[in-house]
Amino acid sequence: MAKKKHHDDDVALPSGQAPSGKEYDRDLHLLQIELVKLQREIIAANDKIVVIFEGRDAAGKDGIIKTLSEHLSAREIRVVALGKPSERDQAEWYFQRYVAQLPAAQEMVLFNRSWYNRAGVERVMKFCTDAQYEEFMNTVTDFEQLLVRSGIKLIKYYLDISKHEQKQRLESRLTDPLKQWKISPIDQQATKLWKPYSQARNVMLTRTHTPTTPWIVVHTDDKHAARINILRDLLGRLQYQGKDKNLALPDPEVLYAFDTVCIENGRLAP
């Protein structure tokens, strides 16, 4: 890890350092300026961007989405967090309700959970059959390839959290009146079903990671480091005028491309 250097208020920390306090606020401010530049380019180039945020309960999906979107034009950025499928949804092609949420030109869509519900929550909680699960796993990469060929830029983040940190965050929801809306029956099963969720995650990442639509894993026990590094990575993956390339360098200890070795060596929370 790089040694800490003195820097002025308008200079970001080296990417290898986890910011906190004033350093976090400064880095976040600079990165959010870059996001405004990015959105200007998305509008000018008629781009269509999809960013997927998956991960265990309490891994920080809501926080990073709020951080990413709070200073962008609401007309050109949209957050999608679909609820329980209706009877009609269940009678349709599985991907159909997600297709309806895809971006138009000049738009970025952030999925707070996505079609990968079928590979995670639905699989573990037995909300889908084995046949439905296998059909999804056998077709999802083809579906994503179709999106990419149509001109959509697709980025997939998996937010990884330790069992201890997840337990603490879920317990805090019970006592914090501002987090009461986050409590759900699924939460109560999250730590009890830790191992099945780990197994489902491992299979999902292994079978749906491709060169065109890779999974990017993010360690999220440190919320500040996770948010800063996701923003750095996102900015690095998309092209726009006036990019500060020094800001678009994530810390590989916090964020990295998935590889099956991550499962074998315990880099992913076991």
Protein backbone atom coordinates (compact mmCIF):
# COMPACT_ATOMS: atom_id res chain seq x y z
CA MET A 1 0.00 0.00 0.00
CA ALA A 2 1.30 3.40 -0.96
CA LYS A 3 2.50 5.69 1.81
CA LYS A 4 0.27 8.60 2.64
CA LYS A 5 1.41 11.88 1.15
CA HIS A 6 0.46 15.43 1.92
CA HIS A 7 -2.09 16.68 -0.58
CA ASP A 8 -4.13 19.83 -1.12
CA ASP A 9 -7.91 19.97 -0.82
CA ASP A 10 -8.44 19.40 -4.55
CA VAL A 11 -6.12 16.40 -4.93
CA ALA A 12 -7.42 12.85 -4.48
CA LEU A 13 -5.80 10.16 -2.40
CA PRO A 14 -3.76 7.50 -4.21
CA SER A 15 -6.17 4.73 -5.20
CA GLY A 16 -4.51 2.20 -2.89
CA GLN A 17 -5.58 4.07 0.24
CA ALA A 18 -8.93 3.69 1.97
CA PRO A 19 -10.20 7.24 2.60
CA SER A 20 -12.04 8.28 5.73
CA GLY A 21 -13.47 11.49 7.15
CA LYS A 22 -12.37 14.60 5.27
CA GLU A 23 -10.32 12.50 2.83
CA TYR A 24 -13.40 10.48 1.92
CA ASP A 25 -15.49 13.64 1.44
CA ARG A 26 -12.79 15.16 -0.78
CA ASP A 27 -12.34 12.06 -2.91
CA LEU A 28 -16.08 11.60 -3.23
CA HIS A 29 -16.53 15.20 -4.34
CA LEU A 30 -13.91 14.82 -7.07
CA LEU A 31 -15.37 11.52 -8.26
CA GLN A 32 -18.88 12.94 -8.38
CA ILE A 33 -17.59 15.77 -10.58
CA GLU A 34 -16.26 13.06 -12.91
CA LEU A 35 -19.69 11.40 -12.88
CA VAL A 36 -21.25 14.66 -14.07
CA LYS A 37 -18.74 14.70 -16.95
CA LEU A 38 -19.64 11.09 -17.69
CA GLN A 39 -23.37 11.79 -17.76
CA ARG A 40 -22.79 14.72 -20.13
CA GLU A 41 -21.01 12.30 -22.48
CA ILE A 42 -23.75 9.66 -22.17
CA ILE A 43 -26.30 12.27 -23.26
CA ALA A 44 -24.15 13.63 -26.08
CA ALA A 45 -23.32 10.18 -27.45
CA ASN A 46 -26.82 8.67 -27.03
CA ASP A 47 -25.32 5.92 -24.91
CA LYS A 48 -27.33 3.31 -23.02
CA ILE A 49 -25.77 2.12 -19.75
CA VAL A 50 -26.89 -0.65 -17.39
CA VAL A 51 -25.14 -1.12 -14.04
CA ILE A 52 -26.15 -4.14 -11.95
CA PHE A 53 -25.57 -4.26 -8.20
CA GLU A 54 -25.91 -7.71 -6.69
CA GLY A 55 -24.81 -9.02 -3.30
CA ARG A 56 -26.01 -10.33 0.02
CA ASP A 57 -28.49 -8.46 2.19
CA ALA A 58 -26.86 -5.43 3.86
CA ALA A 59 -23.87 -5.45 1.50
CA GLY A 60 -24.38 -1.76 0.70
CA LYS A 61 -26.32 -1.67 -2.57
CA ASP A 62 -28.59 1.18 -1.49
CA GLY A 63 -25.67 3.28 -0.28
CA ILE A 64 -23.56 3.04 -3.43
CA ILE A 65 -26.57 3.71 -5.68
CA LYS A 66 -27.43 6.84 -3.71
CA THR A 67 -23.79 7.97 -3.78
CA LEU A 68 -23.54 7.39 -7.53
CA SER A 69 -26.78 9.10 -8.49
CA GLU A 70 -27.26 11.96 -6.02
CA HIS A 71 -25.70 14.72 -8.16
CA LEU A 72 -26.77 13.48 -11.59
CA SER A 73 -29.72 14.62 -13.67
CA ALA A 74 -32.75 12.58 -12.61
CA ARG A 75 -34.09 12.68 -16.18
CA GLU A 76 -31.18 10.61 -17.48
CA ILE A 77 -30.52 8.24 -14.57
CA ARG A 78 -32.99 5.74 -13.19
CA VAL A 79 -32.89 3.30 -10.27
CA VAL A 80 -34.72 -0.01 -10.69
CA ALA A 81 -35.54 -2.08 -7.59
CA LEU A 82 -38.35 -4.42 -8.55
CA GLY A 83 -40.47 -6.04 -5.87
CA LYS A 84 -42.00 -9.47 -5.64
CA PRO A 85 -43.25 -10.63 -9.06
CA SER A 86 -47.01 -10.49 -9.59
CA GLU A 87 -49.08 -13.39 -10.90
CA ARG A 88 -48.86 -11.83 -14.36
CA ASP A 89 -45.06 -11.51 -14.05
CA GLN A 90 -44.85 -15.19 -13.16
CA ALA A 91 -46.86 -16.05 -16.28
CA GLU A 92 -44.47 -14.12 -18.56
CA TRP A 93 -41.01 -14.88 -19.93
CA TYR A 94 -38.70 -14.50 -16.92
CA PHE A 95 -36.68 -11.62 -18.40
CA GLN A 96 -39.75 -9.72 -19.63
CA ARG A 97 -40.25 -7.38 -16.68
CA TYR A 98 -36.54 -6.54 -16.68
CA VAL A 99 -36.53 -5.79 -20.42
CA ALA A 100 -39.21 -3.17 -19.78
CA GLN A 101 -36.74 -1.35 -17.48
CA LEU A 102 -33.81 -1.19 -19.91
CA PRO A 103 -32.45 2.25 -20.80
CA ALA A 104 -33.32 4.40 -23.77
CA ALA A 105 -30.61 6.42 -25.50
CA GLN A 106 -28.93 9.00 -23.20
CA GLU A 107 -29.91 7.04 -20.09
CA MET A 108 -28.15 5.12 -17.32
CA VAL A 109 -30.14 2.53 -15.36
CA LEU A 110 -28.95 1.21 -11.99
CA PHE A 111 -30.39 -2.16 -10.99
CA ASN A 112 -30.64 -2.68 -7.22
CA ARG A 113 -30.78 -6.44 -7.67
CA SER A 114 -31.66 -7.69 -11.11
CA TRP A 115 -32.53 -10.77 -13.11
CA TYR A 116 -29.91 -12.50 -10.96
CA ASN A 117 -32.55 -12.81 -8.24
CA ARG A 118 -33.23 -16.19 -9.78
CA ALA A 119 -29.66 -17.34 -9.16
CA GLY A 120 -29.59 -16.02 -5.58
CA VAL A 121 -32.65 -15.35 -3.42
CA GLU A 122 -35.06 -17.39 -5.52
CA ARG A 123 -32.67 -20.35 -5.63
CA VAL A 124 -31.90 -20.35 -1.90
CA MET A 125 -35.45 -19.60 -0.71
CA LYS A 126 -36.91 -22.09 -3.21
CA PHE A 127 -39.07 -19.44 -4.89
CA CYS A 128 -38.32 -21.10 -8.25
CA THR A 129 -38.15 -24.70 -9.41
CA ASP A 130 -34.94 -26.49 -10.33
CA ALA A 131 -36.06 -26.40 -13.97
CA GLN A 132 -36.64 -22.63 -13.85
CA TYR A 133 -33.26 -22.12 -12.24
CA GLU A 134 -31.45 -24.22 -14.86
CA GLU A 135 -33.29 -22.48 -17.70
CA PHE A 136 -32.13 -19.14 -16.32
CA MET A 137 -28.53 -20.24 -15.85
CA ASN A 138 -28.42 -21.70 -19.37
CA THR A 139 -29.81 -18.56 -21.06
CA VAL A 140 -28.71 -15.52 -19.03
CA THR A 141 -25.35 -15.08 -20.74
CA ASP A 142 -27.04 -15.27 -24.15
CA PHE A 143 -29.54 -12.66 -22.98
CA GLU A 144 -26.72 -10.38 -21.84
CA GLN A 145 -24.81 -10.86 -25.08
CA LEU A 146 -27.94 -9.76 -26.94
CA LEU A 147 -28.10 -6.60 -24.81
CA VAL A 148 -24.46 -5.82 -25.53
CA ARG A 149 -24.87 -6.41 -29.27
CA SER A 150 -27.85 -4.04 -29.24
CA GLY A 151 -25.57 -1.25 -28.00
CA ILE A 152 -26.16 -1.41 -24.24
CA LYS A 153 -23.06 -1.12 -22.06
CA LEU A 154 -23.52 -3.62 -19.23
CA ILE A 155 -21.49 -3.55 -16.01
CA LYS A 156 -22.04 -6.09 -13.19
CA TYR A 157 -20.89 -5.61 -9.59
CA TYR A 158 -21.12 -8.25 -6.87
CA LEU A 159 -20.89 -6.68 -3.41
CA ASP A 160 -19.25 -9.14 -1.00
CA ILE A 161 -19.58 -8.83 2.78
CA SER A 162 -18.33 -10.89 5.72
CA LYS A 163 -20.80 -12.81 7.89
CA HIS A 164 -19.84 -10.79 10.97
CA GLU A 165 -20.37 -7.43 9.24
CA GLN A 166 -23.66 -8.54 7.72
CA LYS A 167 -24.94 -9.64 11.13
CA GLN A 168 -24.05 -6.26 12.65
CA ARG A 169 -25.74 -4.31 9.86
CA LEU A 170 -28.90 -6.41 9.98
CA GLU A 171 -29.11 -5.98 13.76
CA SER A 172 -28.71 -2.21 13.41
CA ARG A 173 -31.83 -2.12 11.23
CA LEU A 174 -33.87 -3.33 14.17
CA THR A 175 -32.92 -0.35 16.33
CA ASP A 176 -32.40 2.46 13.82
CA PRO A 177 -35.76 4.13 13.03
CA LEU A 178 -34.35 5.44 9.73
CA LYS A 179 -33.60 1.90 8.54
CA GLN A 180 -36.90 0.27 9.49
CA TRP A 181 -38.01 0.17 5.85
CA LYS A 182 -35.11 -2.15 5.04
CA ILE A 183 -36.33 -4.93 7.34
CA SER A 184 -37.90 -7.89 5.53
CA PRO A 185 -38.61 -11.58 6.24
CA ILE A 186 -35.72 -12.41 3.88
CA ASP A 187 -33.34 -10.53 6.20
CA GLN A 188 -34.20 -12.86 9.06
CA GLN A 189 -32.98 -15.81 7.00
CA ALA A 190 -29.82 -14.17 5.65
CA THR A 191 -27.36 -15.27 8.33
CA LYS A 192 -29.10 -18.59 8.98
CA LEU A 193 -28.75 -19.47 5.31
CA TRP A 194 -25.23 -18.09 4.96
CA LYS A 195 -23.76 -21.28 3.49
CA PRO A 196 -26.51 -21.86 0.90
CA TYR A 197 -26.16 -18.24 -0.18
CA SER A 198 -22.39 -18.71 -0.49
CA GLN A 199 -22.91 -21.81 -2.63
CA ALA A 200 -25.47 -20.07 -4.84
CA ARG A 201 -23.15 -17.06 -5.22
CA ASN A 202 -20.21 -19.25 -6.22
CA VAL A 203 -22.22 -21.08 -8.89
CA MET A 204 -23.72 -17.82 -10.19
CA LEU A 205 -20.39 -16.06 -10.54
CA THR A 206 -18.68 -19.08 -12.08
CA ARG A 207 -21.37 -19.82 -14.66
CA THR A 208 -22.26 -16.23 -15.64
CA HIS A 209 -18.84 -14.53 -15.73
CA THR A 210 -17.81 -13.96 -19.36
CA PRO A 211 -15.17 -11.81 -21.08
CA THR A 212 -17.92 -9.58 -22.49
CA THR A 213 -20.00 -9.32 -19.31
CA PRO A 214 -17.61 -10.01 -16.42
CA TRP A 215 -18.43 -9.84 -12.73
CA ILE A 216 -16.53 -7.28 -10.66
CA VAL A 217 -16.29 -8.25 -7.00
CA VAL A 218 -16.20 -5.54 -4.32
CA HIS A 219 -15.34 -6.02 -0.64
CA THR A 220 -17.86 -3.91 1.26
CA ASP A 221 -17.07 -4.30 4.97
CA ASP A 222 -15.59 -0.78 4.69
CA LYS A 223 -18.47 1.16 3.12
CA HIS A 224 -16.39 4.21 2.28
CA ALA A 225 -13.67 2.22 0.53
CA ALA A 226 -16.29 0.21 -1.39
CA ARG A 227 -18.11 3.30 -2.65
CA ILE A 228 -14.96 5.15 -3.68
CA ASN A 229 -13.59 2.14 -5.53
CA ILE A 230 -16.82 1.35 -7.36
CA LEU A 231 -16.96 4.93 -8.61
CA ARG A 232 -13.30 4.73 -9.67
CA ASP A 233 -13.93 1.47 -11.52
CA LEU A 234 -17.09 2.66 -13.24
CA LEU A 235 -15.36 5.82 -14.47
CA GLY A 236 -12.45 3.72 -15.73
CA ARG A 237 -14.72 1.41 -17.75
CA LEU A 238 -16.63 4.14 -19.59
CA GLN A 239 -15.24 6.72 -22.00
CA TYR A 240 -15.93 10.44 -21.69
CA GLN A 241 -14.32 13.76 -22.48
CA GLY A 242 -12.06 15.35 -19.88
CA LYS A 243 -11.52 12.19 -17.83
CA ASP A 244 -9.06 12.50 -14.93
CA LYS A 245 -7.39 9.11 -15.36
CA ASN A 246 -5.74 9.34 -11.94
CA LEU A 247 -9.19 9.16 -10.36
CA ALA A 248 -10.24 6.09 -12.36
CA LEU A 249 -7.85 3.62 -10.72
CA PRO A 250 -9.52 1.32 -8.15
CA ASP A 251 -7.65 -0.46 -5.38
CA PRO A 252 -7.27 -4.16 -6.38
CA GLU A 253 -7.44 -5.14 -2.72
CA VAL A 254 -11.01 -3.78 -2.58
CA LEU A 255 -12.31 -4.37 -6.11
CA TYR A 256 -11.25 -6.96 -8.69
CA ALA A 257 -12.50 -9.06 -11.61
CA PHE A 258 -13.98 -12.39 -10.54
CA ASP A 259 -11.94 -15.54 -10.98
CA THR A 260 -12.67 -19.03 -9.63
CA VAL A 261 -9.40 -18.77 -7.71
CA CYS A 262 -11.20 -16.24 -5.48
CA ILE A 263 -13.44 -19.05 -4.25
CA GLU A 264 -10.63 -21.52 -3.76
CA ASN A 265 -8.36 -19.17 -1.81
CA GLY A 266 -11.10 -17.68 0.38
CA ARG A 267 -10.88 -14.18 -1.06
CA LEU A 268 -14.67 -14.25 -1.34
CA ALA A 269 -16.41 -14.45 2.04
CA PRO A 270 -16.77 -18.22 2.64
